[in-house]
C-alpha atoms as a PDB file:
ATOM      1  CA  UNK A   1      73.102 -24.938 -71.506  1.00  0.00           C
ATOM      2  CA  UNK A   2      70.697 -24.239 -74.335  1.00  0.00           C
ATOM      3  CA  UNK A   3      73.559 -23.191 -76.623  1.00  0.00           C
ATOM      4  CA  UNK A   4      74.789 -26.819 -76.607  1.00  0.00           C
ATOM      5  CA  UNK A   5      71.446 -28.104 -77.831  1.00  0.00           C
ATOM      6  CA  UNK A   6      71.330 -25.802 -80.832  1.00  0.00           C
ATOM      7  CA  UNK A   7      74.297 -27.137 -82.835  1.00  0.00           C
ATOM      8  CA  UNK A   8      73.238 -30.750 -82.504  1.00  0.00           C
ATOM      9  CA  UNK A   9      69.706 -29.881 -83.650  1.00  0.00           C
ATOM     10  CA  UNK A  10      70.978 -27.969 -86.663  1.00  0.00           C
ATOM     11  CA  UNK A  11      73.426 -30.770 -87.439  1.00  0.00           C
ATOM     12  CA  UNK A  12      70.527 -33.217 -87.352  1.00  0.00           C
ATOM     13  CA  UNK A  13      68.537 -31.031 -89.735  1.00  0.00           C
ATOM     14  CA  UNK A  14      71.481 -30.821 -92.140  1.00  0.00           C
ATOM     15  CA  UNK A  15      71.948 -34.564 -92.028  1.00  0.00           C
ATOM     16  CA  UNK A  16      68.255 -35.166 -92.721  1.00  0.00           C
ATOM     17  CA  UNK A  17      68.409 -32.752 -95.669  1.00  0.00           C
ATOM     18  CA  UNK A  18      71.470 -34.587 -97.027  1.00  0.00           C
ATOM     19  CA  UNK A  19      69.742 -37.942 -96.693  1.00  0.00           C
ATOM     20  CA  UNK A  20      66.612 -36.640 -98.430  1.00  0.00           C
ATOM     21  CA  UNK A  21      68.670 -35.168-101.276  1.00  0.00           C
ATOM     22  CA  UNK A  22      70.613 -38.409-101.672  1.00  0.00           C
ATOM     23  CA  UNK A  23      67.384 -40.400-101.770  1.00  0.00           C
ATOM     24  CA  UNK A  24      65.942 -38.123-104.480  1.00  0.00           C
ATOM     25  CA  UNK A  25      69.170 -38.399-106.449  1.00  0.00           C
ATOM     26  CA  UNK A  26      69.197 -42.205-106.189  1.00  0.00           C
ATOM     27  CA  UNK A  27      65.573 -42.327-107.360  1.00  0.00           C
ATOM     28  CA  UNK A  28      66.396 -40.143-110.375  1.00  0.00           C
ATOM     29  CA  UNK A  29      69.371 -42.352-111.221  1.00  0.00           C
ATOM     30  CA  UNK A  30      67.206 -45.453-111.040  1.00  0.00           C
ATOM     31  CA  UNK A  31      64.592 -43.847-113.301  1.00  0.00           C
ATOM     32  CA  UNK A  32      67.230 -42.883-115.868  1.00  0.00           C
ATOM     33  CA  UNK A  33      68.658 -46.394-115.742  1.00  0.00           C
ATOM     34  CA  UNK A  34      65.238 -47.898-116.463  1.00  0.00           C
ATOM     35  CA  UNK A  35      64.482 -45.381-119.239  1.00  0.00           C
ATOM     36  CA  UNK A  36      67.861 -46.016-120.854  1.00  0.00           C
ATOM     37  CA  UNK A  37      67.243 -49.770-120.831  1.00  0.00           C
ATOM     38  CA  UNK A  38      63.769 -49.349-122.378  1.00  0.00           C
ATOM     39  CA  UNK A  39      65.003 -47.079-125.157  1.00  0.00           C
ATOM     40  CA  UNK A  40      65.513 -48.972-128.433  1.00  0.00           C
ATOM     41  CA  UNK A  41      68.958 -48.962-129.989  1.00  0.00           C
ATOM     42  CA  UNK A  42      68.967 -46.825-133.114  1.00  0.00           C
ATOM     43  CA  UNK A  43      71.424 -47.959-135.761  1.00  0.00           C
ATOM     44  CA  UNK A  44      70.876 -44.786-137.794  1.00  0.00           C
ATOM     45  CA  UNK A  45      72.791 -42.842-135.163  1.00  0.00           C
ATOM     46  CA  UNK A  46      76.056 -44.360-136.366  1.00  0.00           C
ATOM     47  CA  UNK A  47      78.968 -41.957-136.519  1.00  0.00           C
ATOM     48  CA  UNK A  48      79.079 -40.662-140.125  1.00  0.00           C
ATOM     49  CA  UNK A  49      82.875 -40.372-140.022  1.00  0.00           C
ATOM     50  CA  UNK A  50      83.313 -44.113-139.575  1.00  0.00           C
ATOM     51  CA  UNK A  51      80.224 -45.374-141.416  1.00  0.00           C
ATOM     52  CA  UNK A  52      81.081 -48.131-143.853  1.00  0.00           C
ATOM     53  CA  UNK A  53      84.619 -48.703-142.602  1.00  0.00           C
ATOM     54  CA  UNK A  54      85.506 -52.382-142.451  1.00  0.00           C
ATOM     55  CA  UNK A  55      87.980 -53.410-139.753  1.00  0.00           C
ATOM     56  CA  UNK A  56      90.952 -55.544-140.662  1.00  0.00           C
ATOM     57  CA  UNK A  57      93.217 -55.656-143.709  1.00  0.00           C
ATOM     58  CA  UNK A  58      92.042 -53.441-146.522  1.00  0.00           C
ATOM     59  CA  UNK A  59      92.049 -54.500-150.184  1.00  0.00           C
ATOM     60  CA  UNK A  60      94.982 -53.271-152.225  1.00  0.00           C
ATOM     61  CA  UNK A  61      94.376 -50.190-154.329  1.00  0.00           C
ATOM     62  CA  UNK A  62      95.721 -49.820-157.910  1.00  0.00           C
ATOM     63  CA  UNK A  63      98.158 -47.192-156.633  1.00  0.00           C
ATOM     64  CA  UNK A  64      99.835 -49.788-154.366  1.00  0.00           C
ATOM     65  CA  UNK A  65     100.730 -52.162-157.254  1.00  0.00           C
END
């Protein structure tokens, strides 16, 4: 009879470990979310490849005339 008790106890331990890990993970996610919101937006981190590009129709160049 004792062999039946063992699997359920180990299953319970695994489940508790999963719940604890999930709780830690959720707490870390929440912390990152708060830190990300507090961080100021830095305009100097603009992509240098597209810096200064104006969307929309472009002015005609002398080569086009």
